[in-house]
Amino acid sequence: MKKFKNSLFILAIMFTISNVAHANTGCEKIKEYTVKAVDKAIDKGCGYIAAEFEGACVSATAAETGATSTVPCTVGSGVLGFNCKFFGKKYVKKNAENIGKNICDVVYPDTAPYIFIENHLKEEKVDFKVIVKAGNDIHMHGDNWLDGESTGILASNELDGKHYTVQARVKKDGKDTHLEVHKVVPNQDKVYVYYKYGKYHIEKKATNHKPMIAIENHLDKHKVDFSVVVNNSTDVHLPGDNWLDAGDKNILMSYKLFGKSYTVKARIKKDAEDIHLEEYHVHPGKEGVYVYYKDGKYKIGKKNISYSAD
């Protein structure tokens, strides 16, 4: 098989931009519906606000993504209802747009803007966070602390501005050391903490990591559901109904793909039978995966993305 051509790589980037723009459009509508739900039902109480949002969210999500599941909207209404009950109606009314961004993280979890983070220290843990004005500061999911010599991600639909301040808190011997770096651009920069000349330092650097994997369906008839296996999280599929038509190309894109390599699965829909294939050690931004038929068998392969123009 020939390597990916430069034109295909450009196509993949175009799909990436398209997918992000698509999600951002959906996020704008989620924020809009959150604000409208609050304005419309604020005087009736928190339960009314949550119900008003959920109804609007189901309609918006189905229209934007083709998804029919109401689970994200139910979770979102729960987020809105919790904010209302815990902080009060005045808080919700004042912060409705930011709450909408938080809800968007549930509805569009894979396409949120992101900042890669790295802990270059050997033993000390670091708590990275992005400072967001008039909103919640963004930490890593989980317990916040990034182990020594580890990488992570800060991602949220609240990162919809041009640049941000990132702070880091180094924990050692019961003492916290605070660091910060300014003008960090989501989707472009990474932030890392290191130790040199007897001091802890923090810096930013442009990242060349592209969290995407190109996919191709070389079959003549059958659809393929490609998915990237992500530990401790939902696997990455195409948005919508997931299936890639015969002869089509696309990309799997998510901030979750910040690791070195992943397993990609392909599920071929043939009559009433599903055929399952796997390809291992696929590197985001560097390799693509394709499914084809040869010698009476369905097969999966990976290939490098070539920057050559031939």
Protein backbone atom coordinates (compact mmCIF):
# COMPACT_ATOMS: atom_id res chain seq x y z
CA MET A 1 0.00 0.00 0.00
CA LYS A 2 1.20 3.51 -0.71
CA LYS A 3 1.89 5.95 2.10
CA PHE A 4 -0.54 8.74 2.93
CA LYS A 5 0.00 11.61 0.54
CA ASN A 6 0.43 15.20 1.60
CA SER A 7 -3.05 15.95 0.31
CA LEU A 8 -4.55 13.37 2.65
CA PHE A 9 -2.74 14.86 5.61
CA ILE A 10 -4.12 18.28 4.67
CA LEU A 11 -7.56 16.67 4.37
CA ALA A 12 -7.15 15.24 7.86
CA ILE A 13 -6.30 18.67 9.23
CA MET A 14 -9.34 20.12 7.47
CA PHE A 15 -11.53 17.46 9.07
CA THR A 16 -9.97 18.31 12.42
CA ILE A 17 -10.81 21.97 12.03
CA SER A 18 -14.30 21.05 10.82
CA ASN A 19 -14.94 18.75 13.78
CA VAL A 20 -13.72 21.32 16.28
CA ALA A 21 -15.78 24.07 14.66
CA HIS A 22 -18.80 21.77 14.63
CA ALA A 23 -18.43 21.07 18.32
CA ASN A 24 -17.82 24.73 19.12
CA THR A 25 -21.04 25.64 17.30
CA GLY A 26 -22.86 23.06 19.41
CA CYS A 27 -21.25 24.46 22.55
CA GLU A 28 -22.47 27.94 21.70
CA LYS A 29 -25.99 26.56 21.47
CA ILE A 30 -25.61 24.69 24.77
CA LYS A 31 -24.53 27.95 26.44
CA GLU A 32 -27.42 29.75 24.78
CA TYR A 33 -29.96 27.17 25.98
CA THR A 34 -28.49 27.27 29.49
CA VAL A 35 -28.87 31.03 29.68
CA LYS A 36 -32.42 30.87 28.28
CA ALA A 37 -33.40 28.09 30.68
CA VAL A 38 -32.16 30.12 33.64
CA ASP A 39 -33.90 33.30 32.49
CA LYS A 40 -37.15 31.49 31.80
CA ALA A 41 -37.42 29.38 34.96
CA ILE A 42 -35.35 31.25 37.57
CA ASP A 43 -38.44 32.43 39.47
CA LYS A 44 -39.99 28.94 39.55
CA GLY A 45 -37.08 27.20 41.25
CA CYS A 46 -34.07 24.99 40.61
CA GLY A 47 -36.07 21.96 39.48
CA TYR A 48 -37.80 23.99 36.80
CA ILE A 49 -34.48 25.37 35.54
CA ALA A 50 -33.03 21.86 35.20
CA ALA A 51 -36.11 20.54 33.39
CA GLU A 52 -36.20 23.53 31.05
CA PHE A 53 -32.54 22.99 30.14
CA GLU A 54 -32.91 19.25 29.64
CA GLY A 55 -35.71 19.67 27.14
CA ALA A 56 -33.74 22.22 25.13
CA CYS A 57 -30.53 20.18 25.41
CA VAL A 58 -32.10 17.01 24.02
CA SER A 59 -33.31 18.90 20.97
CA ALA A 60 -29.99 20.70 20.47
CA THR A 61 -27.85 17.59 20.92
CA ALA A 62 -29.92 15.54 18.49
CA ALA A 63 -29.74 18.32 15.92
CA GLU A 64 -26.02 18.94 16.27
CA THR A 65 -24.59 15.43 16.65
CA GLY A 66 -27.28 13.03 15.50
CA ALA A 67 -27.16 11.45 18.95
CA THR A 68 -30.40 10.16 20.38
CA SER A 69 -29.17 9.43 23.92
CA THR A 70 -30.51 11.78 26.57
CA VAL A 71 -27.89 10.76 29.13
CA PRO A 72 -25.56 13.76 28.54
CA CYS A 73 -28.50 16.14 28.83
CA THR A 74 -29.71 14.44 32.00
CA VAL A 75 -26.21 14.77 33.45
CA GLY A 76 -26.11 18.39 32.28
CA SER A 77 -29.42 19.21 33.93
CA GLY A 78 -28.03 17.63 37.07
CA VAL A 79 -24.99 19.95 36.89
CA LEU A 80 -27.26 22.96 36.47
CA GLY A 81 -29.61 21.83 39.23
CA PHE A 82 -26.74 21.17 41.63
CA ASN A 83 -25.26 24.61 41.02
CA CYS A 84 -28.64 26.15 41.68
CA LYS A 85 -29.34 24.22 44.88
CA PHE A 86 -25.82 24.52 46.27
CA PHE A 87 -24.95 28.12 45.33
CA GLY A 88 -28.39 29.63 44.93
CA LYS A 89 -30.44 31.17 42.15
CA LYS A 90 -28.52 34.46 42.13
CA TYR A 91 -25.26 32.62 41.47
CA VAL A 92 -26.79 30.57 38.67
CA LYS A 93 -28.28 33.65 37.03
CA LYS A 94 -24.92 35.46 37.16
CA ASN A 95 -22.86 32.47 35.96
CA ALA A 96 -25.26 30.81 33.54
CA GLU A 97 -22.90 31.01 30.55
CA ASN A 98 -19.97 29.46 32.43
CA ILE A 99 -22.22 26.69 33.73
CA GLY A 100 -23.19 26.11 30.11
CA LYS A 101 -19.52 25.63 29.26
CA ASN A 102 -19.21 23.05 32.02
CA ILE A 103 -22.24 21.23 30.65
CA CYS A 104 -20.69 21.34 27.20
CA ASP A 105 -17.77 19.31 28.56
CA VAL A 106 -20.29 16.53 29.13
CA VAL A 107 -22.07 16.82 25.78
CA TYR A 108 -18.91 17.30 23.68
CA PRO A 109 -16.18 15.71 25.83
CA ASP A 110 -13.69 14.87 23.08
CA THR A 111 -13.37 18.15 21.24
CA ALA A 112 -12.74 20.60 24.08
CA PRO A 113 -9.70 22.88 23.75
CA TYR A 114 -6.70 21.40 25.55
CA ILE A 115 -3.26 22.17 27.01
CA PHE A 116 -0.68 19.42 27.34
CA ILE A 117 1.15 19.33 30.69
CA GLU A 118 4.37 17.56 31.65
CA ASN A 119 5.99 16.94 35.02
CA HIS A 120 9.75 16.62 34.44
CA LEU A 121 10.45 16.15 38.15
CA LYS A 122 11.50 12.69 39.29
CA GLU A 123 9.53 12.33 42.51
CA GLU A 124 7.45 15.42 43.29
CA LYS A 125 3.81 15.61 42.21
CA VAL A 126 2.49 18.75 40.53
CA ASP A 127 -1.03 20.22 40.48
CA PHE A 128 -1.44 22.15 37.21
CA LYS A 129 -4.41 24.44 36.65
CA VAL A 130 -5.59 26.97 34.08
CA ILE A 131 -6.87 30.27 35.42
CA VAL A 132 -10.24 31.12 33.86
CA LYS A 133 -11.78 34.48 34.65
CA ALA A 134 -15.34 34.40 35.97
CA GLY A 135 -15.29 30.61 35.92
CA ASN A 136 -13.89 27.56 37.63
CA ASP A 137 -10.16 26.99 37.35
CA ILE A 138 -9.41 23.91 35.26
CA HIS A 139 -7.44 21.02 36.75
CA MET A 140 -6.75 17.50 35.56
CA HIS A 141 -9.64 15.12 35.97
CA GLY A 142 -9.32 12.85 38.96
CA ASP A 143 -7.16 13.76 41.93
CA ASN A 144 -5.49 16.71 40.11
CA TRP A 145 -1.93 15.66 40.97
CA LEU A 146 0.37 14.68 38.11
CA ASP A 147 3.02 12.15 39.15
CA GLY A 148 6.73 12.64 38.56
CA GLU A 149 7.95 12.10 34.97
CA SER A 150 4.34 11.92 33.73
CA THR A 151 2.26 13.70 31.12
CA GLY A 152 -1.35 14.86 31.32
CA ILE A 153 -3.97 17.16 29.87
CA LEU A 154 -5.99 20.20 30.90
CA ALA A 155 -9.12 20.32 28.77
CA SER A 156 -12.43 22.16 28.93
CA ASN A 157 -14.84 24.04 26.73
CA GLU A 158 -14.23 26.97 29.07
CA LEU A 159 -10.93 27.43 27.21
CA ASP A 160 -12.50 29.38 24.39
CA GLY A 161 -10.24 32.46 24.62
CA LYS A 162 -6.92 33.34 22.98
CA HIS A 163 -4.53 32.60 25.83
CA TYR A 164 -4.42 31.83 29.55
CA THR A 165 -2.23 31.75 32.66
CA VAL A 166 -1.29 28.27 33.87
CA GLN A 167 -0.27 27.77 37.49
CA ALA A 168 1.60 24.82 38.98
CA ARG A 169 1.85 23.77 42.63
CA VAL A 170 4.78 21.50 43.52
CA LYS A 171 4.29 19.38 46.63
CA LYS A 172 7.42 18.42 48.60
CA ASP A 173 7.92 17.68 52.30
CA GLY A 174 4.64 19.31 53.26
CA LYS A 175 5.62 22.56 51.52
CA ASP A 176 4.02 23.98 48.36
CA THR A 177 6.02 25.83 45.71
CA HIS A 178 3.86 27.97 43.40
CA LEU A 179 4.78 28.70 39.77
CA GLU A 180 2.98 30.29 36.85
CA VAL A 181 3.43 30.94 33.14
CA HIS A 182 1.43 33.40 31.03
CA LYS A 183 -0.07 33.61 27.53
CA VAL A 184 -0.47 29.86 27.05
CA VAL A 185 -2.47 29.15 23.89
CA PRO A 186 -4.84 26.11 23.95
CA ASN A 187 -4.30 23.49 21.21
CA GLN A 188 -0.86 24.95 20.49
CA ASP A 189 1.27 25.12 23.65
CA LYS A 190 2.35 22.64 26.28
CA VAL A 191 3.46 23.55 29.82
CA TYR A 192 6.13 21.73 31.80
CA VAL A 193 7.73 21.95 35.23
CA TYR A 194 11.39 21.09 35.86
CA TYR A 195 14.20 21.55 38.41
CA LYS A 196 17.43 23.41 37.59
CA TYR A 197 20.06 25.42 39.48
CA GLY A 198 18.43 24.57 42.81
CA LYS A 199 15.00 25.90 41.83
CA TYR A 200 11.72 24.75 40.36
CA HIS A 201 10.81 26.31 37.01
CA ILE A 202 7.78 26.37 34.70
CA GLU A 203 7.84 27.07 30.97
CA LYS A 204 5.66 26.82 27.90
CA LYS A 205 6.60 25.46 24.51
CA ALA A 206 4.81 24.98 21.21
CA THR A 207 3.81 21.36 20.83
CA ASN A 208 4.00 19.43 17.59
CA HIS A 209 1.76 16.68 18.94
CA LYS A 210 -1.39 16.27 16.85
CA PRO A 211 -4.07 14.30 18.76
CA MET A 212 -5.62 12.66 15.71
CA ILE A 213 -5.47 9.40 13.75
CA ALA A 214 -6.43 9.25 10.07
CA ILE A 215 -8.77 6.40 9.08
CA GLU A 216 -9.69 4.89 5.70
CA ASN A 217 -12.29 2.35 4.65
CA HIS A 218 -10.95 0.57 1.53
CA LEU A 219 -13.90 -1.84 1.34
CA ASP A 220 -16.31 -1.75 -1.60
CA LYS A 221 -19.56 -2.24 0.33
CA HIS A 222 -19.34 -2.49 4.09
CA LYS A 223 -19.26 0.23 6.73
CA VAL A 224 -16.57 0.30 9.41
CA ASP A 225 -16.71 1.62 12.97
CA PHE A 226 -13.17 2.67 13.91
CA SER A 227 -12.40 3.37 17.57
CA VAL A 228 -9.30 4.26 19.58
CA VAL A 229 -9.00 2.40 22.88
CA VAL A 230 -8.38 4.87 25.72
CA ASN A 231 -7.68 3.58 29.22
CA ASN A 232 -9.90 4.87 32.03
CA SER A 233 -12.10 6.83 29.62
CA THR A 234 -14.64 6.46 26.84
CA ASP A 235 -13.07 5.26 23.58
CA VAL A 236 -12.79 7.75 20.72
CA HIS A 237 -15.18 7.20 17.77
CA LEU A 238 -16.39 9.34 14.91
CA PRO A 239 -19.13 11.73 16.04
CA GLY A 240 -22.71 10.93 15.13
CA ASP A 241 -23.50 7.33 14.21
CA ASN A 242 -19.77 6.34 14.21
CA TRP A 243 -19.85 4.36 10.95
CA LEU A 244 -17.46 5.24 8.09
CA ASP A 245 -18.96 4.43 4.70
CA ALA A 246 -17.21 2.24 2.13
CA GLY A 247 -14.49 4.15 0.27
CA ASP A 248 -14.53 7.08 2.71
CA LYS A 249 -11.75 8.73 4.74
CA ASN A 250 -11.92 10.70 7.97
CA ILE A 251 -10.03 11.20 11.23
CA LEU A 252 -10.46 10.22 14.86
CA MET A 253 -9.64 13.35 16.81
CA SER A 254 -9.68 13.98 20.56
CA TYR A 255 -7.66 15.74 23.24
CA LYS A 256 -7.62 12.31 24.93
CA LEU A 257 -5.02 11.13 22.39
CA PHE A 258 -2.08 12.77 24.13
CA GLY A 259 -0.17 9.51 24.70
CA LYS A 260 2.56 8.00 22.54
CA SER A 261 0.53 5.20 20.94
CA TYR A 262 -2.85 3.48 21.03
CA THR A 263 -4.73 0.40 19.90
CA VAL A 264 -7.25 1.07 17.13
CA LYS A 265 -10.20 -1.27 16.70
CA ALA A 266 -12.31 -1.67 13.58
CA ARG A 267 -15.77 -3.25 13.49
CA ILE A 268 -17.01 -4.23 10.03
CA LYS A 269 -20.76 -4.43 9.57
CA LYS A 270 -21.53 -7.36 7.26
CA ASP A 271 -25.07 -8.70 7.14
CA ALA A 272 -25.96 -9.65 10.72
CA GLU A 273 -22.35 -10.45 11.59
CA ASP A 274 -19.76 -8.05 12.98
CA ILE A 275 -16.12 -8.67 12.10
CA HIS A 276 -13.61 -7.31 14.62
CA LEU A 277 -10.03 -6.26 13.84
CA GLU A 278 -7.28 -4.57 15.87
CA GLU A 279 -4.10 -2.63 15.10
CA TYR A 280 -1.58 -1.92 17.84
CA HIS A 281 0.88 0.88 18.63
CA VAL A 282 -0.68 3.52 16.36
CA HIS A 283 0.95 6.92 16.91
CA PRO A 284 -1.37 10.00 16.80
CA GLY A 285 -0.38 12.63 14.27
CA LYS A 286 2.09 10.27 12.63
CA GLU A 287 0.17 7.20 11.48
CA GLY A 288 -3.15 6.29 9.97
CA VAL A 289 -5.21 3.08 9.93
CA TYR A 290 -7.03 1.46 7.02
CA VAL A 291 -9.27 -1.58 6.54
CA TYR A 292 -9.14 -3.64 3.34
CA TYR A 293 -10.04 -7.04 1.87
CA LYS A 294 -7.38 -9.39 0.46
CA ASP A 295 -6.97 -13.11 -0.13
CA GLY A 296 -10.49 -13.82 1.13
CA LYS A 297 -10.03 -12.03 4.46
CA TYR A 298 -10.74 -8.65 6.01
CA LYS A 299 -7.56 -7.00 7.26
CA ILE A 300 -6.39 -3.88 9.07
CA GLY A 301 -3.11 -2.05 8.63
CA LYS A 302 -1.35 1.15 9.62
CA LYS A 303 0.88 3.43 7.58
CA ASN A 304 2.90 6.57 8.06
CA ILE A 305 1.54 9.97 7.17
CA SER A 306 3.85 11.28 4.47
CA TYR A 307 4.57 14.97 4.01
CA SER A 308 5.90 14.38 0.52
CA ALA A 309 4.04 15.99 -2.34
CA ASP A 310 4.52 13.12 -4.82
